[in-house]
Amino acid sequence: MAAKDHIATASDPEFAGRVMMIMFKVAQNVASEDPATANHAERIAYGSFVIMGNEKPQLVSAHVISSNPTISGAIDSDPAALGSNVPDGDIEFALASIWDARSLAFAAA
């Protein structure tokens, strides 16, 4: 793992743009989830923050990369690809996996 390769990918406009588009998809899924879901109020509030365009895609990209070994491994295997070798489904899975952590951090701020 080279942190500089992960930073370059998180900062890449195309990769960050993909993360942003998928953030909207995950936020919409959260808006439709069962209200009994754990941390639902925080998840909805964070989803609204995302939908209003207030989240920073490059920051979320860094969180996605750092939290998911499949994504970081794909970047490590071909740093020059700047994440173009990472499937959208992997990004969506990573976003769904970190949504509670981001929601709770947002609520605490």
Protein backbone atom coordinates (compact mmCIF):
# COMPACT_ATOMS: atom_id res chain seq x y z
CA MET A 1 0.00 0.00 0.00
CA ALA A 2 1.27 3.41 -0.94
CA ALA A 3 -0.68 6.21 0.69
CA LYS A 4 0.34 8.56 -2.13
CA ASP A 5 -1.44 6.30 -4.64
CA HIS A 6 -4.57 6.29 -2.50
CA ILE A 7 -4.42 10.08 -2.13
CA ALA A 8 -3.98 10.48 -5.90
CA THR A 9 -7.03 8.28 -6.54
CA ALA A 10 -9.22 9.98 -3.91
CA SER A 11 -8.23 13.34 -5.42
CA ASP A 12 -8.84 12.26 -9.02
CA PRO A 13 -11.89 14.15 -10.34
CA GLU A 14 -13.25 11.12 -12.19
CA PHE A 15 -13.00 8.77 -9.21
CA ALA A 16 -14.39 11.39 -6.81
CA GLY A 17 -17.20 12.05 -9.30
CA ARG A 18 -18.08 8.36 -9.39
CA VAL A 19 -18.15 8.28 -5.60
CA MET A 20 -20.38 11.36 -5.59
CA MET A 21 -22.90 9.80 -7.98
CA ILE A 22 -23.02 6.61 -5.94
CA MET A 23 -23.33 8.65 -2.72
CA PHE A 24 -26.58 10.04 -4.13
CA LYS A 25 -27.80 6.52 -4.87
CA VAL A 26 -27.01 5.33 -1.35
CA ALA A 27 -28.60 8.46 0.15
CA GLN A 28 -31.77 7.76 -1.83
CA ASN A 29 -31.78 4.14 -0.65
CA VAL A 30 -31.46 5.36 2.94
CA ALA A 31 -34.38 7.76 2.41
CA SER A 32 -36.52 4.73 1.56
CA GLU A 33 -35.30 2.42 4.31
CA ASP A 34 -37.37 1.01 7.15
CA PRO A 35 -37.66 3.61 9.93
CA ALA A 36 -36.78 0.83 12.40
CA THR A 37 -33.27 0.62 10.92
CA ALA A 38 -30.60 1.30 13.54
CA ASN A 39 -29.47 4.94 13.53
CA HIS A 40 -32.24 5.79 11.07
CA ALA A 41 -32.61 9.44 12.12
CA GLU A 42 -28.87 10.05 11.81
CA ARG A 43 -28.70 8.15 8.51
CA ILE A 44 -31.56 10.25 7.09
CA ALA A 45 -29.98 13.51 8.28
CA TYR A 46 -26.66 12.61 6.70
CA GLY A 47 -28.44 11.49 3.52
CA SER A 48 -30.10 14.90 3.32
CA PHE A 49 -26.71 16.56 3.75
CA VAL A 50 -25.40 14.48 0.84
CA ILE A 51 -28.45 15.10 -1.39
CA MET A 52 -28.18 18.85 -0.81
CA GLY A 53 -24.62 18.66 -2.17
CA ASN A 54 -22.88 19.57 1.07
CA GLU A 55 -20.59 16.53 1.35
CA LYS A 56 -17.05 16.55 -0.05
CA PRO A 57 -16.66 13.70 -2.57
CA GLN A 58 -12.86 13.66 -2.30
CA LEU A 59 -13.07 13.24 1.47
CA VAL A 60 -15.62 10.44 1.13
CA SER A 61 -13.45 8.88 -1.60
CA ALA A 62 -10.55 8.74 0.86
CA HIS A 63 -12.83 7.09 3.45
CA VAL A 64 -14.05 4.57 0.86
CA ILE A 65 -10.49 3.68 -0.13
CA SER A 66 -9.13 3.50 3.40
CA SER A 67 -12.00 1.40 4.73
CA ASN A 68 -12.28 -1.21 1.99
CA PRO A 69 -9.42 -3.65 1.35
CA THR A 70 -10.84 -4.73 -2.02
CA ILE A 71 -10.83 -1.15 -3.29
CA SER A 72 -7.44 -0.28 -1.84
CA GLY A 73 -6.07 -3.53 -3.28
CA ALA A 74 -7.37 -2.67 -6.75
CA ILE A 75 -5.68 0.73 -6.52
CA ASP A 76 -2.45 -0.86 -5.26
CA SER A 77 -2.49 -3.32 -8.18
CA ASP A 78 -2.63 -0.53 -10.79
CA PRO A 79 -1.99 2.92 -9.31
CA ALA A 80 -1.95 4.58 -12.73
CA ALA A 81 -5.59 3.56 -13.28
CA LEU A 82 -6.63 6.01 -10.51
CA GLY A 83 -9.47 3.73 -9.47
CA SER A 84 -10.91 3.18 -12.94
CA ASN A 85 -10.41 -0.54 -12.25
CA VAL A 86 -12.72 -0.38 -9.21
CA PRO A 87 -16.27 -1.52 -10.07
CA ASP A 88 -19.14 0.79 -9.13
CA GLY A 89 -20.65 -2.06 -7.11
CA ASP A 90 -17.58 -2.14 -4.87
CA ILE A 91 -17.87 1.60 -4.28
CA GLU A 92 -21.58 1.25 -3.47
CA PHE A 93 -20.86 -1.58 -1.03
CA ALA A 94 -18.14 0.46 0.68
CA LEU A 95 -20.40 3.51 0.95
CA ALA A 96 -23.20 1.45 2.45
CA SER A 97 -20.67 -0.03 4.88
CA ILE A 98 -19.42 3.34 6.13
CA TRP A 99 -22.79 5.15 6.07
CA ASP A 100 -23.47 4.65 9.79
CA ALA A 101 -20.00 5.87 10.78
CA ARG A 102 -20.33 8.96 8.59
CA SER A 103 -23.90 9.55 9.81
CA LEU A 104 -22.93 9.34 13.46
CA ALA A 105 -19.89 11.58 12.93
CA PHE A 106 -22.11 14.10 11.12
CA ALA A 107 -24.62 14.00 13.99
CA ALA A 108 -21.88 14.57 16.56
CA ALA A 109 -20.49 17.60 14.72
